[in-house]
Amino acid sequence: MPIVPQEIREHLMASSTEFQRLASEHSQYESQLEQLSKQTYLNAEDLLLVTKLKKLKLRVKDEMEQFVARHGESQPVTMPGARASAPLPAGKTPRELARET
């Protein structure tokens, strides 16, 4: 049975300390960005910090996605709600099958 990317993330959160560390780091950056966004005025230093935090957060998110991709390579991944397609009958193209229906 195919595994959904969300299921892989949940499994990694429960079993991988490295993935947990990345998720925690991502949350910390998000919290810092939220605090800065609540300020009515950002000086030049704050604006640089916002840019730096966004880049760090994105880097960590990319690492997490790579972790998920590596973990899911050995198993087929599907999107939630997606249906598995049946194999095509021998000698039939999808267009020919569509015409028959």
Protein backbone atom coordinates (compact mmCIF):
# COMPACT_ATOMS: atom_id res chain seq x y z
CA MET A 1 0.00 0.00 0.00
CA PRO A 2 1.42 3.42 -0.93
CA ILE A 3 2.46 5.77 1.85
CA VAL A 4 1.27 9.39 1.93
CA PRO A 5 3.96 12.08 2.53
CA GLN A 6 2.14 13.19 5.70
CA GLU A 7 2.38 9.65 7.07
CA ILE A 8 6.12 9.68 6.39
CA ARG A 9 6.48 12.99 8.27
CA GLU A 10 4.51 11.61 11.23
CA HIS A 11 6.66 8.47 11.28
CA LEU A 12 9.85 10.54 11.15
CA MET A 13 8.64 12.83 13.95
CA ALA A 14 8.10 9.75 16.11
CA SER A 15 11.29 7.91 15.20
CA SER A 16 14.03 10.29 14.06
CA THR A 17 15.78 12.65 16.46
CA GLU A 18 17.35 14.47 13.49
CA PHE A 19 13.94 15.12 11.92
CA GLN A 20 12.61 16.23 15.32
CA ARG A 21 15.54 18.65 15.65
CA LEU A 22 14.82 20.10 12.20
CA ALA A 23 11.11 20.49 12.98
CA SER A 24 11.93 22.22 16.26
CA GLU A 25 14.36 24.57 14.54
CA HIS A 26 11.74 25.37 11.88
CA SER A 27 9.19 26.18 14.61
CA GLN A 28 11.64 28.46 16.40
CA TYR A 29 12.26 30.45 13.22
CA GLU A 30 8.51 30.67 12.62
CA SER A 31 7.94 31.97 16.17
CA GLN A 32 10.64 34.60 15.80
CA LEU A 33 9.16 35.74 12.49
CA GLU A 34 5.69 35.97 14.06
CA GLN A 35 7.04 38.14 16.89
CA LEU A 36 8.75 40.46 14.43
CA SER A 37 5.62 40.71 12.26
CA LYS A 38 3.64 42.00 15.27
CA GLN A 39 5.92 45.00 15.65
CA THR A 40 4.55 48.23 14.22
CA TYR A 41 7.96 49.42 13.06
CA LEU A 42 10.98 47.47 11.87
CA ASN A 43 14.34 49.20 11.69
CA ALA A 44 17.04 48.18 9.21
CA GLU A 45 18.50 45.64 11.63
CA ASP A 46 15.08 44.03 12.14
CA LEU A 47 14.49 43.88 8.39
CA LEU A 48 17.82 42.09 7.92
CA LEU A 49 16.87 39.68 10.71
CA VAL A 50 13.54 38.93 9.02
CA THR A 51 15.32 38.13 5.76
CA LYS A 52 17.86 35.94 7.56
CA LEU A 53 15.16 34.06 9.49
CA LYS A 54 13.13 33.44 6.32
CA LYS A 55 16.20 31.98 4.59
CA LEU A 56 17.06 29.80 7.59
CA LYS A 57 13.48 28.60 7.88
CA LEU A 58 13.41 27.73 4.17
CA ARG A 59 16.75 25.90 4.41
CA VAL A 60 15.44 23.79 7.30
CA LYS A 61 12.18 23.11 5.44
CA ASP A 62 14.19 21.95 2.40
CA GLU A 63 16.24 19.63 4.62
CA MET A 64 13.03 18.19 6.08
CA GLU A 65 11.57 17.61 2.61
CA GLN A 66 14.78 15.90 1.49
CA PHE A 67 14.59 13.71 4.60
CA VAL A 68 10.99 12.76 3.71
CA ALA A 69 11.96 12.07 0.08
CA ARG A 70 14.88 9.84 1.08
CA HIS A 71 12.71 7.95 3.53
CA GLY A 72 9.93 7.46 0.98
CA GLU A 73 12.11 6.44 -1.98
CA SER A 74 11.82 2.77 -1.22
CA GLN A 75 8.02 2.90 -1.07
CA PRO A 76 5.50 4.36 -3.53
CA VAL A 77 4.02 7.66 -2.39
CA THR A 78 0.54 8.85 -3.23
CA MET A 79 -1.49 11.92 -2.48
CA PRO A 80 -4.42 11.59 -0.05
CA GLY A 81 -7.62 10.66 -1.85
CA ALA A 82 -5.80 9.54 -4.99
CA ARG A 83 -7.03 6.36 -6.59
CA ALA A 84 -4.73 3.72 -7.97
CA SER A 85 -5.23 3.24 -11.67
CA ALA A 86 -5.79 -0.17 -13.17
CA PRO A 87 -3.31 -1.40 -15.75
CA LEU A 88 -4.30 -0.81 -19.35
CA PRO A 89 -5.54 -3.80 -21.35
CA ALA A 90 -2.94 -5.11 -23.78
CA GLY A 91 -2.83 -3.15 -27.01
CA LYS A 92 -5.10 -0.33 -25.77
CA THR A 93 -4.06 3.29 -25.33
CA PRO A 94 -5.76 5.63 -22.86
CA ARG A 95 -7.32 7.52 -25.77
CA GLU A 96 -8.84 4.30 -27.20
CA LEU A 97 -10.26 3.38 -23.82
CA ALA A 98 -11.80 6.86 -23.45
CA ARG A 99 -13.54 6.51 -26.82
CA GLU A 100 -15.07 3.20 -25.76
CA THR A 101 -16.78 4.70 -22.71
